[in-house]
Amino acid sequence: MNEEESNIIQGVRYANIQLSAAYPVVSAYEFEFLKSEELVREFLDNCTIYMIVQRPLTYFDSIEIRDGFIYFEIADGKNQPMKCRIDPVAANISLPGEKLYVESQFFSETPGTVQPLRDVAGIKLFKEDGSFILWWSPQKLLYEYVVDDLRVETTDDADPLSFLDFDVLYIGKAFSQRVWNRLTGHDKMQKILTVQNPISAEPAARAPFEIALVLLKVVGLTDVPQVPYTDLGSTVPPILHDIDLDDENALERFLCETPIALGDEAMTREVEAQLINTFQPKFNDVKFANYPMIEGGMRSKGYSSTKLAIERLPAFLRTAHHSVAPIFPADDDD
């Protein structure tokens, strides 16, 4: 090595991408009318990754409003029903003495009109003057219960996580257009709704009710530079960056300046490819067998490898190849 080359050292970059679920798991049936709601669209605005998933039909059962409480069960015909009671006052839904009215959406073709209401897909709560308060699907209520600390009284043996397990059928990205536009008329979604059989034994079970969406957004990027590069036996060829120590600012630039901005399409491409390669969903034709050697991913920005971290995930996700458990945000008081 000559004297001129002796002042060149080499470094590498690694990336950690943080993901978060932006909204509760939403069924394909619900998505059709939710995508037109402006408030929901605001939640989904930055979602660039979606998973099409399936679990047995989940529904509300035995709904009653009496003695100032809302009584109901969450059921799926497979697990023990989760018996629940909500005090609307304690849950900051209504004021003391205020009457509530329930409007229900039913899976069955012959909806009930008398309490207790059975086989209910969704609940809307209204004040006595008819003004809207909120709506719940079973998944939305479970999300608010386990993630957002909605005050729900349950029996000691209740297991909300038993209703939060999903098979991953397809993973896609929606970077260049809003996720609700990407999924409207989506050929894979239509194929899944057409050919995928229901997995529930419930009479009302149909694929559009069981097929659901997990919507993810990139919420953070941690840049991890390493100088000098040390070969730790990685099977992935490193991308080496020359740092000229004769340039007094070169090392600082390499250590402190991240070469990619949050929201860059390379992050979405990387997340999609890594998730598909890991889960191997059956409806994805391209499985990215050569990952991380993909077009337009994080290696195109100079990163040798990328790790994913999900910060907020309200579900078990699984295929025959991989599974992840629910990940809930840490308590703010911790």
C-alpha atoms as a PDB file:
ATOM      1  CA  MET A   1       0.000   0.000   0.000  1.00  0.00           C
ATOM      2  CA  ASN A   2       1.465   3.339  -1.005  1.00  0.00           C
ATOM      3  CA  GLU A   3       1.409   6.473   1.120  1.00  0.00           C
ATOM      4  CA  GLU A   4      -1.529   8.002  -0.751  1.00  0.00           C
ATOM      5  CA  GLU A   5      -3.751   4.943  -0.171  1.00  0.00           C
ATOM      6  CA  SER A   6      -2.819   4.635   3.490  1.00  0.00           C
ATOM      7  CA  ASN A   7      -5.217   7.442   4.457  1.00  0.00           C
ATOM      8  CA  ILE A   8      -8.235   5.615   3.019  1.00  0.00           C
ATOM      9  CA  ILE A   9     -10.302   3.518   5.421  1.00  0.00           C
ATOM     10  CA  GLN A  10     -13.447   1.602   4.628  1.00  0.00           C
ATOM     11  CA  GLY A  11     -16.784   1.583   6.386  1.00  0.00           C
ATOM     12  CA  VAL A  12     -20.196   0.010   5.901  1.00  0.00           C
ATOM     13  CA  ARG A  13     -23.772   1.054   6.655  1.00  0.00           C
ATOM     14  CA  TYR A  14     -26.565  -1.014   8.155  1.00  0.00           C
ATOM     15  CA  ALA A  15     -30.193   0.056   8.502  1.00  0.00           C
ATOM     16  CA  ASN A  16     -32.919  -0.608  11.034  1.00  0.00           C
ATOM     17  CA  ILE A  17     -36.405   0.223   9.731  1.00  0.00           C
ATOM     18  CA  GLN A  18     -39.231   0.637  12.235  1.00  0.00           C
ATOM     19  CA  LEU A  19     -42.800  -0.270  11.229  1.00  0.00           C
ATOM     20  CA  SER A  20     -46.118   0.265  12.932  1.00  0.00           C
ATOM     21  CA  ALA A  21     -49.706  -0.794  12.321  1.00  0.00           C
ATOM     22  CA  ALA A  22     -51.616   2.408  11.684  1.00  0.00           C
ATOM     23  CA  TYR A  23     -55.097   1.050  12.322  1.00  0.00           C
ATOM     24  CA  PRO A  24     -56.886  -2.025  13.678  1.00  0.00           C
ATOM     25  CA  VAL A  25     -57.105  -5.098  11.476  1.00  0.00           C
ATOM     26  CA  VAL A  26     -59.982  -4.356   9.106  1.00  0.00           C
ATOM     27  CA  SER A  27     -61.969  -6.895   7.111  1.00  0.00           C
ATOM     28  CA  ALA A  28     -62.303  -6.585   3.351  1.00  0.00           C
ATOM     29  CA  TYR A  29     -66.039  -6.150   3.986  1.00  0.00           C
ATOM     30  CA  GLU A  30     -65.398  -3.183   6.322  1.00  0.00           C
ATOM     31  CA  PHE A  31     -62.716  -1.684   4.090  1.00  0.00           C
ATOM     32  CA  GLU A  32     -65.214  -1.110   1.300  1.00  0.00           C
ATOM     33  CA  PHE A  33     -67.136   1.463   3.321  1.00  0.00           C
ATOM     34  CA  LEU A  34     -64.322   2.675   5.615  1.00  0.00           C
ATOM     35  CA  LYS A  35     -62.116   3.815   2.732  1.00  0.00           C
ATOM     36  CA  SER A  36     -64.576   6.620   2.019  1.00  0.00           C
ATOM     37  CA  GLU A  37     -64.393   7.962   5.579  1.00  0.00           C
ATOM     38  CA  GLU A  38     -62.093  10.984   5.714  1.00  0.00           C
ATOM     39  CA  LEU A  39     -60.944  10.337   9.295  1.00  0.00           C
ATOM     40  CA  VAL A  40     -59.977   6.759   8.464  1.00  0.00           C
ATOM     41  CA  ARG A  41     -58.191   7.876   5.308  1.00  0.00           C
ATOM     42  CA  GLU A  42     -56.075  10.218   7.428  1.00  0.00           C
ATOM     43  CA  PHE A  43     -54.963   7.243   9.552  1.00  0.00           C
ATOM     44  CA  LEU A  44     -54.118   5.247   6.432  1.00  0.00           C
ATOM     45  CA  ASP A  45     -52.507   8.096   4.501  1.00  0.00           C
ATOM     46  CA  ASN A  46     -48.912   7.022   5.182  1.00  0.00           C
ATOM     47  CA  CYS A  47     -49.455   3.261   4.996  1.00  0.00           C
ATOM     48  CA  THR A  48     -47.292   1.788   2.258  1.00  0.00           C
ATOM     49  CA  ILE A  49     -47.311  -1.905   3.191  1.00  0.00           C
ATOM     50  CA  TYR A  50     -50.415  -4.075   3.431  1.00  0.00           C
ATOM     51  CA  MET A  51     -51.003  -7.709   4.296  1.00  0.00           C
ATOM     52  CA  ILE A  52     -54.070  -9.620   3.155  1.00  0.00           C
ATOM     53  CA  VAL A  53     -54.825 -12.034   5.997  1.00  0.00           C
ATOM     54  CA  GLN A  54     -57.527 -14.463   7.139  1.00  0.00           C
ATOM     55  CA  ARG A  55     -58.932 -15.895  10.352  1.00  0.00           C
ATOM     56  CA  PRO A  56     -62.234 -17.524  11.351  1.00  0.00           C
ATOM     57  CA  LEU A  57     -65.235 -15.187  11.263  1.00  0.00           C
ATOM     58  CA  THR A  58     -65.231 -13.013  14.384  1.00  0.00           C
ATOM     59  CA  TYR A  59     -68.493 -11.437  15.519  1.00  0.00           C
ATOM     60  CA  PHE A  60     -70.353  -9.826  18.388  1.00  0.00           C
ATOM     61  CA  ASP A  61     -72.950 -11.945  20.133  1.00  0.00           C
ATOM     62  CA  SER A  62     -75.560 -11.447  22.888  1.00  0.00           C
ATOM     63  CA  ILE A  63     -75.484  -7.636  22.740  1.00  0.00           C
ATOM     64  CA  GLU A  64     -77.615  -5.843  25.305  1.00  0.00           C
ATOM     65  CA  ILE A  65     -77.772  -2.369  26.792  1.00  0.00           C
ATOM     66  CA  ARG A  66     -79.236  -2.570  30.274  1.00  0.00           C
ATOM     67  CA  ASP A  67     -78.714  -1.014  33.692  1.00  0.00           C
ATOM     68  CA  GLY A  68     -76.406   1.568  32.138  1.00  0.00           C
ATOM     69  CA  PHE A  69     -73.958  -1.039  30.774  1.00  0.00           C
ATOM     70  CA  ILE A  70     -73.225  -2.521  27.339  1.00  0.00           C
ATOM     71  CA  TYR A  71     -73.060  -6.320  27.522  1.00  0.00           C
ATOM     72  CA  PHE A  72     -71.732  -8.458  24.674  1.00  0.00           C
ATOM     73  CA  GLU A  73     -69.567 -11.402  23.715  1.00  0.00           C
ATOM     74  CA  ILE A  74     -66.828 -11.651  21.112  1.00  0.00           C
ATOM     75  CA  ALA A  75     -67.034 -15.048  19.442  1.00  0.00           C
ATOM     76  CA  ASP A  76     -65.701 -16.980  16.469  1.00  0.00           C
ATOM     77  CA  GLY A  77     -67.158 -20.472  16.881  1.00  0.00           C
ATOM     78  CA  LYS A  78     -63.705 -21.823  17.683  1.00  0.00           C
ATOM     79  CA  ASN A  79     -62.504 -20.203  20.892  1.00  0.00           C
ATOM     80  CA  GLN A  80     -64.354 -19.720  24.135  1.00  0.00           C
ATOM     81  CA  PRO A  81     -66.484 -16.580  23.728  1.00  0.00           C
ATOM     82  CA  MET A  82     -65.059 -13.533  25.449  1.00  0.00           C
ATOM     83  CA  LYS A  83     -67.752 -12.109  27.728  1.00  0.00           C
ATOM     84  CA  CYS A  84     -67.523  -8.328  28.069  1.00  0.00           C
ATOM     85  CA  ARG A  85     -69.181  -5.430  29.788  1.00  0.00           C
ATOM     86  CA  ILE A  86     -68.514  -1.742  29.171  1.00  0.00           C
ATOM     87  CA  ASP A  87     -69.508   1.091  31.461  1.00  0.00           C
ATOM     88  CA  PRO A  88     -69.921   3.948  28.930  1.00  0.00           C
ATOM     89  CA  VAL A  89     -69.325   6.574  31.618  1.00  0.00           C
ATOM     90  CA  ALA A  90     -66.114   4.981  32.921  1.00  0.00           C
ATOM     91  CA  ALA A  91     -64.948   4.507  29.314  1.00  0.00           C
ATOM     92  CA  ASN A  92     -65.584   8.203  28.517  1.00  0.00           C
ATOM     93  CA  ILE A  93     -68.197   7.288  25.927  1.00  0.00           C
ATOM     94  CA  SER A  94     -71.164   9.037  27.552  1.00  0.00           C
ATOM     95  CA  LEU A  95     -72.120  11.255  30.480  1.00  0.00           C
ATOM     96  CA  PRO A  96     -73.870   9.969  33.633  1.00  0.00           C
ATOM     97  CA  GLY A  97     -77.558   9.363  32.960  1.00  0.00           C
ATOM     98  CA  GLU A  98     -77.171   9.764  29.192  1.00  0.00           C
ATOM     99  CA  LYS A  99     -79.066   7.215  27.084  1.00  0.00           C
ATOM    100  CA  LEU A 100     -77.313   5.291  24.347  1.00  0.00           C
ATOM    101  CA  TYR A 101     -78.743   3.605  21.275  1.00  0.00           C
ATOM    102  CA  VAL A 102     -77.196   0.780  19.267  1.00  0.00           C
ATOM    103  CA  GLU A 103     -77.314   0.322  15.512  1.00  0.00           C
ATOM    104  CA  SER A 104     -76.020  -3.075  14.457  1.00  0.00           C
ATOM    105  CA  GLN A 105     -74.743  -4.501  11.188  1.00  0.00           C
ATOM    106  CA  PHE A 106     -75.411  -8.201  10.809  1.00  0.00           C
ATOM    107  CA  PHE A 107     -73.693 -11.056   9.020  1.00  0.00           C
ATOM    108  CA  SER A 108     -76.907 -13.070   8.834  1.00  0.00           C
ATOM    109  CA  GLU A 109     -79.604 -12.500   6.218  1.00  0.00           C
ATOM    110  CA  THR A 110     -82.291 -12.279   8.923  1.00  0.00           C
ATOM    111  CA  PRO A 111     -81.033  -9.646  11.394  1.00  0.00           C
ATOM    112  CA  GLY A 112     -82.472  -9.606  14.865  1.00  0.00           C
ATOM    113  CA  THR A 113     -84.478  -6.699  16.212  1.00  0.00           C
ATOM    114  CA  VAL A 114     -84.792  -7.661  19.883  1.00  0.00           C
ATOM    115  CA  GLN A 115     -82.064  -7.777  22.521  1.00  0.00           C
ATOM    116  CA  PRO A 116     -79.895  -9.719  22.949  1.00  0.00           C
ATOM    117  CA  LEU A 117     -78.697  -9.154  19.400  1.00  0.00           C
ATOM    118  CA  ARG A 118     -76.908 -12.111  17.782  1.00  0.00           C
ATOM    119  CA  ASP A 119     -74.423 -12.623  14.964  1.00  0.00           C
ATOM    120  CA  VAL A 120     -73.427  -8.949  14.748  1.00  0.00           C
ATOM    121  CA  ALA A 121     -70.662  -7.706  12.429  1.00  0.00           C
ATOM    122  CA  GLY A 122     -70.435  -4.171  13.788  1.00  0.00           C
ATOM    123  CA  ILE A 123     -71.886  -1.779  16.340  1.00  0.00           C
ATOM    124  CA  LYS A 124     -72.591   1.940  16.077  1.00  0.00           C
ATOM    125  CA  LEU A 125     -73.428   3.929  19.208  1.00  0.00           C
ATOM    126  CA  PHE A 126     -75.605   7.041  19.110  1.00  0.00           C
ATOM    127  CA  LYS A 127     -76.812   9.590  21.618  1.00  0.00           C
ATOM    128  CA  GLU A 128     -80.514  10.055  22.311  1.00  0.00           C
ATOM    129  CA  ASP A 129     -80.636  12.952  19.832  1.00  0.00           C
ATOM    130  CA  GLY A 130     -79.301  10.662  17.109  1.00  0.00           C
ATOM    131  CA  SER A 131     -75.767  12.067  17.008  1.00  0.00           C
ATOM    132  CA  PHE A 132     -73.076   9.494  16.270  1.00  0.00           C
ATOM    133  CA  ILE A 133     -70.595   8.538  19.023  1.00  0.00           C
ATOM    134  CA  LEU A 134     -68.444   5.677  17.722  1.00  0.00           C
ATOM    135  CA  TRP A 135     -68.389   2.367  15.908  1.00  0.00           C
ATOM    136  CA  TRP A 136     -66.784  -0.969  16.685  1.00  0.00           C
ATOM    137  CA  SER A 137     -66.087  -4.133  14.788  1.00  0.00           C
ATOM    138  CA  PRO A 138     -64.830  -6.999  16.968  1.00  0.00           C
ATOM    139  CA  GLN A 139     -61.275  -6.366  15.732  1.00  0.00           C
ATOM    140  CA  LYS A 140     -61.494  -2.611  16.297  1.00  0.00           C
ATOM    141  CA  LEU A 141     -62.773  -3.109  19.829  1.00  0.00           C
ATOM    142  CA  LEU A 142     -60.069  -5.683  20.591  1.00  0.00           C
ATOM    143  CA  TYR A 143     -57.449  -3.263  19.220  1.00  0.00           C
ATOM    144  CA  GLU A 144     -58.717  -0.448  21.435  1.00  0.00           C
ATOM    145  CA  TYR A 145     -58.842  -2.812  24.411  1.00  0.00           C
ATOM    146  CA  VAL A 146     -55.341  -4.285  24.152  1.00  0.00           C
ATOM    147  CA  VAL A 147     -53.510  -1.352  22.515  1.00  0.00           C
ATOM    148  CA  ASP A 148     -55.334   1.797  23.591  1.00  0.00           C
ATOM    149  CA  ASP A 149     -56.536   0.659  27.048  1.00  0.00           C
ATOM    150  CA  LEU A 150     -60.271   0.931  26.369  1.00  0.00           C
ATOM    151  CA  ARG A 151     -61.966   0.097  29.675  1.00  0.00           C
ATOM    152  CA  VAL A 152     -63.647  -3.266  29.101  1.00  0.00           C
ATOM    153  CA  GLU A 153     -64.621  -5.573  31.946  1.00  0.00           C
ATOM    154  CA  THR A 154     -64.090  -9.256  31.155  1.00  0.00           C
ATOM    155  CA  THR A 155     -64.125 -12.580  32.988  1.00  0.00           C
ATOM    156  CA  ASP A 156     -60.876 -13.880  34.490  1.00  0.00           C
ATOM    157  CA  ASP A 157     -60.533 -16.534  31.776  1.00  0.00           C
ATOM    158  CA  ALA A 158     -60.995 -14.105  28.863  1.00  0.00           C
ATOM    159  CA  ASP A 159     -58.247 -14.299  26.237  1.00  0.00           C
ATOM    160  CA  PRO A 160     -58.426 -11.435  23.720  1.00  0.00           C
ATOM    161  CA  LEU A 161     -55.326 -12.670  21.902  1.00  0.00           C
ATOM    162  CA  SER A 162     -57.147 -15.861  20.896  1.00  0.00           C
ATOM    163  CA  PHE A 163     -59.144 -13.719  18.428  1.00  0.00           C
ATOM    164  CA  LEU A 164     -56.083 -11.990  16.992  1.00  0.00           C
ATOM    165  CA  ASP A 165     -54.422 -14.788  15.007  1.00  0.00           C
ATOM    166  CA  PHE A 166     -54.232 -14.468  11.222  1.00  0.00           C
ATOM    167  CA  ASP A 167     -52.890 -16.452   8.284  1.00  0.00           C
ATOM    168  CA  VAL A 168     -50.907 -14.216   5.908  1.00  0.00           C
ATOM    169  CA  LEU A 169     -52.053 -14.766   2.316  1.00  0.00           C
ATOM    170  CA  TYR A 170     -50.443 -11.866   0.435  1.00  0.00           C
ATOM    171  CA  ILE A 171     -48.097  -8.931   1.087  1.00  0.00           C
ATOM    172  CA  GLY A 172     -47.966  -5.873  -1.128  1.00  0.00           C
ATOM    173  CA  LYS A 173     -46.893  -2.248  -1.300  1.00  0.00           C
ATOM    174  CA  ALA A 174     -48.825   0.898  -2.101  1.00  0.00           C
ATOM    175  CA  PHE A 175     -46.129   3.521  -2.423  1.00  0.00           C
ATOM    176  CA  SER A 176     -47.078   5.408  -5.557  1.00  0.00           C
ATOM    177  CA  GLN A 177     -50.777   5.682  -4.680  1.00  0.00           C
ATOM    178  CA  ARG A 178     -52.934   5.745  -1.558  1.00  0.00           C
ATOM    179  CA  VAL A 179     -53.570   2.340  -0.057  1.00  0.00           C
ATOM    180  CA  TRP A 180     -57.349   2.606  -0.547  1.00  0.00           C
ATOM    181  CA  ASN A 181     -56.782   3.291  -4.256  1.00  0.00           C
ATOM    182  CA  ARG A 182     -54.255   0.479  -4.541  1.00  0.00           C
ATOM    183  CA  LEU A 183     -56.665  -2.047  -3.056  1.00  0.00           C
ATOM    184  CA  THR A 184     -59.704  -0.925  -5.038  1.00  0.00           C
ATOM    185  CA  GLY A 185     -60.082  -3.495  -7.805  1.00  0.00           C
ATOM    186  CA  HIS A 186     -56.846  -5.194  -6.643  1.00  0.00           C
ATOM    187  CA  ASP A 187     -56.480  -8.361  -8.726  1.00  0.00           C
ATOM    188  CA  LYS A 188     -54.925 -10.407  -5.915  1.00  0.00           C
ATOM    189  CA  MET A 189     -57.587  -9.249  -3.465  1.00  0.00           C
ATOM    190  CA  GLN A 190     -60.306 -10.239  -5.918  1.00  0.00           C
ATOM    191  CA  LYS A 191     -58.653 -13.595  -6.559  1.00  0.00           C
ATOM    192  CA  ILE A 192     -58.371 -14.298  -2.832  1.00  0.00           C
ATOM    193  CA  LEU A 193     -61.998 -13.331  -2.236  1.00  0.00           C
ATOM    194  CA  THR A 194     -63.014 -15.592  -5.122  1.00  0.00           C
ATOM    195  CA  VAL A 195     -60.935 -18.734  -4.586  1.00  0.00           C
ATOM    196  CA  GLN A 196     -60.132 -18.718  -0.867  1.00  0.00           C
ATOM    197  CA  ASN A 197     -62.543 -20.898   1.079  1.00  0.00           C
ATOM    198  CA  PRO A 198     -63.862 -19.774   4.462  1.00  0.00           C
ATOM    199  CA  ILE A 199     -62.123 -21.470   7.393  1.00  0.00           C
ATOM    200  CA  SER A 200     -64.901 -20.962   9.934  1.00  0.00           C
ATOM    201  CA  ALA A 201     -67.695 -23.436  10.574  1.00  0.00           C
ATOM    202  CA  GLU A 202     -70.107 -20.603  11.344  1.00  0.00           C
ATOM    203  CA  PRO A 203     -73.185 -20.513   9.044  1.00  0.00           C
ATOM    204  CA  ALA A 204     -72.532 -16.872   8.086  1.00  0.00           C
ATOM    205  CA  ALA A 205     -68.876 -17.475   7.267  1.00  0.00           C
ATOM    206  CA  ARG A 206     -67.895 -16.289   3.798  1.00  0.00           C
ATOM    207  CA  ALA A 207     -64.465 -15.318   2.522  1.00  0.00           C
ATOM    208  CA  PRO A 208     -65.228 -11.548   2.302  1.00  0.00           C
ATOM    209  CA  PHE A 209     -66.028 -11.579   6.025  1.00  0.00           C
ATOM    210  CA  GLU A 210     -62.901 -13.549   6.985  1.00  0.00           C
ATOM    211  CA  ILE A 211     -60.392 -11.853   4.687  1.00  0.00           C
ATOM    212  CA  ALA A 212     -58.864  -8.806   6.373  1.00  0.00           C
ATOM    213  CA  LEU A 213     -56.126  -6.199   5.984  1.00  0.00           C
ATOM    214  CA  VAL A 214     -53.162  -5.365   8.198  1.00  0.00           C
ATOM    215  CA  LEU A 215     -51.946  -1.900   7.186  1.00  0.00           C
ATOM    216  CA  LEU A 216     -48.386  -0.873   8.066  1.00  0.00           C
ATOM    217  CA  LYS A 217     -46.414   2.334   7.777  1.00  0.00           C
ATOM    218  CA  VAL A 218     -42.700   3.093   8.081  1.00  0.00           C
ATOM    219  CA  VAL A 219     -42.289   5.247  11.183  1.00  0.00           C
ATOM    220  CA  GLY A 220     -38.535   5.347  11.704  1.00  0.00           C
ATOM    221  CA  LEU A 221     -35.066   4.637  10.358  1.00  0.00           C
ATOM    222  CA  THR A 222     -31.928   4.069  12.382  1.00  0.00           C
ATOM    223  CA  ASP A 223     -28.680   4.456  10.461  1.00  0.00           C
ATOM    224  CA  VAL A 224     -25.905   2.219  11.813  1.00  0.00           C
ATOM    225  CA  PRO A 225     -22.466   3.016  10.330  1.00  0.00           C
ATOM    226  CA  GLN A 226     -19.433   0.862  11.098  1.00  0.00           C
ATOM    227  CA  VAL A 227     -15.897   2.213  10.775  1.00  0.00           C
ATOM    228  CA  PRO A 228     -13.593   0.539  10.085  1.00  0.00           C
ATOM    229  CA  TYR A 229     -15.383  -2.347   8.417  1.00  0.00           C
ATOM    230  CA  THR A 230     -14.843  -5.678  10.145  1.00  0.00           C
ATOM    231  CA  ASP A 231     -15.774  -8.885   8.339  1.00  0.00           C
ATOM    232  CA  LEU A 232     -17.949 -10.873  10.742  1.00  0.00           C
ATOM    233  CA  GLY A 233     -18.619 -13.669   8.281  1.00  0.00           C
ATOM    234  CA  SER A 234     -21.827 -12.337   6.740  1.00  0.00           C
ATOM    235  CA  THR A 235     -23.111 -14.289   3.746  1.00  0.00           C
ATOM    236  CA  VAL A 236     -24.233 -11.015   2.129  1.00  0.00           C
ATOM    237  CA  PRO A 237     -21.478  -9.113   0.298  1.00  0.00           C
ATOM    238  CA  PRO A 238     -20.874  -5.799   2.077  1.00  0.00           C
ATOM    239  CA  ILE A 239     -21.094  -2.462   0.318  1.00  0.00           C
ATOM    240  CA  LEU A 240     -17.803  -0.781   1.186  1.00  0.00           C
ATOM    241  CA  HIS A 241     -17.511   2.994   1.440  1.00  0.00           C
ATOM    242  CA  ASP A 242     -14.103   4.639   1.104  1.00  0.00           C
ATOM    243  CA  ILE A 243     -13.427   7.366   3.668  1.00  0.00           C
ATOM    244  CA  ASP A 244     -10.528   9.648   2.882  1.00  0.00           C
ATOM    245  CA  LEU A 245      -8.985  10.753   6.167  1.00  0.00           C
ATOM    246  CA  ASP A 246      -7.169  13.556   4.332  1.00  0.00           C
ATOM    247  CA  ASP A 247     -10.599  15.151   4.116  1.00  0.00           C
ATOM    248  CA  GLU A 248     -11.061  16.342   7.683  1.00  0.00           C
ATOM    249  CA  ASN A 249     -14.883  16.163   7.418  1.00  0.00           C
ATOM    250  CA  ALA A 250     -15.191  12.845   5.603  1.00  0.00           C
ATOM    251  CA  LEU A 251     -15.444  10.636   8.683  1.00  0.00           C
ATOM    252  CA  GLU A 252     -17.952  12.942  10.359  1.00  0.00           C
ATOM    253  CA  ARG A 253     -20.088  13.006   7.229  1.00  0.00           C
ATOM    254  CA  PHE A 254     -20.096   9.220   7.007  1.00  0.00           C
ATOM    255  CA  LEU A 255     -21.011   8.791  10.667  1.00  0.00           C
ATOM    256  CA  CYS A 256     -23.591  11.558  10.934  1.00  0.00           C
ATOM    257  CA  GLU A 257     -25.229  12.101   7.556  1.00  0.00           C
ATOM    258  CA  THR A 258     -27.932   9.571   6.693  1.00  0.00           C
ATOM    259  CA  PRO A 259     -28.028   9.089   2.898  1.00  0.00           C
ATOM    260  CA  ILE A 260     -31.789   8.492   2.765  1.00  0.00           C
ATOM    261  CA  ALA A 261     -34.815  10.427   4.019  1.00  0.00           C
ATOM    262  CA  LEU A 262     -37.690   8.866   5.912  1.00  0.00           C
ATOM    263  CA  GLY A 263     -40.389   8.053   3.388  1.00  0.00           C
ATOM    264  CA  ASP A 264     -38.026   7.163   0.544  1.00  0.00           C
ATOM    265  CA  GLU A 265     -39.495   4.471  -1.698  1.00  0.00           C
ATOM    266  CA  ALA A 266     -36.418   2.299  -1.125  1.00  0.00           C
ATOM    267  CA  MET A 267     -37.633   1.633   2.425  1.00  0.00           C
ATOM    268  CA  THR A 268     -41.033   0.417   1.237  1.00  0.00           C
ATOM    269  CA  ARG A 269     -39.414  -1.811  -1.397  1.00  0.00           C
ATOM    270  CA  GLU A 270     -37.057  -3.228   1.228  1.00  0.00           C
ATOM    271  CA  VAL A 271     -39.830  -3.908   3.752  1.00  0.00           C
ATOM    272  CA  GLU A 272     -42.058  -5.579   1.166  1.00  0.00           C
ATOM    273  CA  ALA A 273     -39.258  -7.800  -0.138  1.00  0.00           C
ATOM    274  CA  GLN A 274     -38.032  -8.832   3.313  1.00  0.00           C
ATOM    275  CA  LEU A 275     -41.528  -9.629   4.601  1.00  0.00           C
ATOM    276  CA  ILE A 276     -42.386 -11.652   1.492  1.00  0.00           C
ATOM    277  CA  ASN A 277     -39.088 -13.500   1.611  1.00  0.00           C
ATOM    278  CA  THR A 278     -39.652 -14.291   5.297  1.00  0.00           C
ATOM    279  CA  PHE A 279     -43.364 -15.203   5.283  1.00  0.00           C
ATOM    280  CA  GLN A 280     -43.540 -16.725   1.766  1.00  0.00           C
ATOM    281  CA  PRO A 281     -47.292 -15.994   1.390  1.00  0.00           C
ATOM    282  CA  LYS A 282     -48.991 -18.379  -1.014  1.00  0.00           C
ATOM    283  CA  PHE A 283     -50.583 -15.693  -3.216  1.00  0.00           C
ATOM    284  CA  ASN A 284     -47.320 -13.792  -3.827  1.00  0.00           C
ATOM    285  CA  ASP A 285     -45.941 -15.008  -7.136  1.00  0.00           C
ATOM    286  CA  VAL A 286     -42.530 -13.369  -6.577  1.00  0.00           C
ATOM    287  CA  LYS A 287     -40.915 -14.594  -3.348  1.00  0.00           C
ATOM    288  CA  PHE A 288     -37.646 -12.568  -3.629  1.00  0.00           C
ATOM    289  CA  ALA A 289     -35.475 -15.668  -3.410  1.00  0.00           C
ATOM    290  CA  ASN A 290     -32.318 -13.554  -3.894  1.00  0.00           C
ATOM    291  CA  TYR A 291     -33.144 -11.093  -1.101  1.00  0.00           C
ATOM    292  CA  PRO A 292     -31.476  -8.715  -0.223  1.00  0.00           C
ATOM    293  CA  MET A 293     -30.296  -8.463  -3.823  1.00  0.00           C
ATOM    294  CA  ILE A 294     -33.377  -6.573  -4.990  1.00  0.00           C
ATOM    295  CA  GLU A 295     -33.915  -3.629  -7.315  1.00  0.00           C
ATOM    296  CA  GLY A 296     -34.441  -0.253  -5.691  1.00  0.00           C
ATOM    297  CA  GLY A 297     -34.083  -1.438  -2.092  1.00  0.00           C
ATOM    298  CA  MET A 298     -31.813  -0.240   0.687  1.00  0.00           C
ATOM    299  CA  ARG A 299     -28.670  -1.618  -0.942  1.00  0.00           C
ATOM    300  CA  SER A 300     -29.257   0.872  -3.760  1.00  0.00           C
ATOM    301  CA  LYS A 301     -28.786   3.562  -1.074  1.00  0.00           C
ATOM    302  CA  GLY A 302     -25.531   2.086   0.170  1.00  0.00           C
ATOM    303  CA  TYR A 303     -26.761  -0.110   3.032  1.00  0.00           C
ATOM    304  CA  SER A 304     -25.211  -3.560   3.273  1.00  0.00           C
ATOM    305  CA  SER A 305     -28.167  -5.101   5.130  1.00  0.00           C
ATOM    306  CA  THR A 306     -31.415  -4.077   6.777  1.00  0.00           C
ATOM    307  CA  LYS A 307     -33.304  -5.227   9.853  1.00  0.00           C
ATOM    308  CA  LEU A 308     -37.004  -4.641  10.465  1.00  0.00           C
ATOM    309  CA  ALA A 309     -38.588  -3.844  13.820  1.00  0.00           C
ATOM    310  CA  ILE A 310     -42.365  -3.694  14.263  1.00  0.00           C
ATOM    311  CA  GLU A 311     -43.313  -1.382  17.114  1.00  0.00           C
ATOM    312  CA  ARG A 312     -47.084  -1.787  17.103  1.00  0.00           C
ATOM    313  CA  LEU A 313     -48.786  -4.934  15.772  1.00  0.00           C
ATOM    314  CA  PRO A 314     -52.220  -5.940  17.063  1.00  0.00           C
ATOM    315  CA  ALA A 315     -52.168  -9.531  15.813  1.00  0.00           C
ATOM    316  CA  PHE A 316     -50.418 -12.876  15.488  1.00  0.00           C
ATOM    317  CA  LEU A 317     -49.301 -13.242  11.862  1.00  0.00           C
ATOM    318  CA  ARG A 318     -48.263 -16.585  10.442  1.00  0.00           C
ATOM    319  CA  THR A 319     -47.602 -18.770   7.452  1.00  0.00           C
ATOM    320  CA  ALA A 320     -46.067 -22.225   7.311  1.00  0.00           C
ATOM    321  CA  HIS A 321     -42.671 -20.505   6.994  1.00  0.00           C
ATOM    322  CA  HIS A 322     -42.757 -17.797   9.668  1.00  0.00           C
ATOM    323  CA  SER A 323     -44.809 -16.277  12.469  1.00  0.00           C
ATOM    324  CA  VAL A 324     -44.737 -13.172  14.663  1.00  0.00           C
ATOM    325  CA  ALA A 325     -46.568 -12.442  17.900  1.00  0.00           C
ATOM    326  CA  PRO A 326     -48.500  -9.258  18.734  1.00  0.00           C
ATOM    327  CA  ILE A 327     -46.337  -6.284  19.626  1.00  0.00           C
ATOM    328  CA  PHE A 328     -47.908  -3.589  21.742  1.00  0.00           C
ATOM    329  CA  PRO A 329     -46.446  -0.168  22.531  1.00  0.00           C
ATOM    330  CA  ALA A 330     -44.681   0.192  25.862  1.00  0.00           C
ATOM    331  CA  ASP A 331     -46.646   1.810  28.653  1.00  0.00           C
ATOM    332  CA  ASP A 332     -45.933   5.550  28.704  1.00  0.00           C
ATOM    333  CA  ASP A 333     -45.322   5.294  32.440  1.00  0.00           C
ATOM    334  CA  ASP A 334     -42.557   2.699  32.067  1.00  0.00           C
END
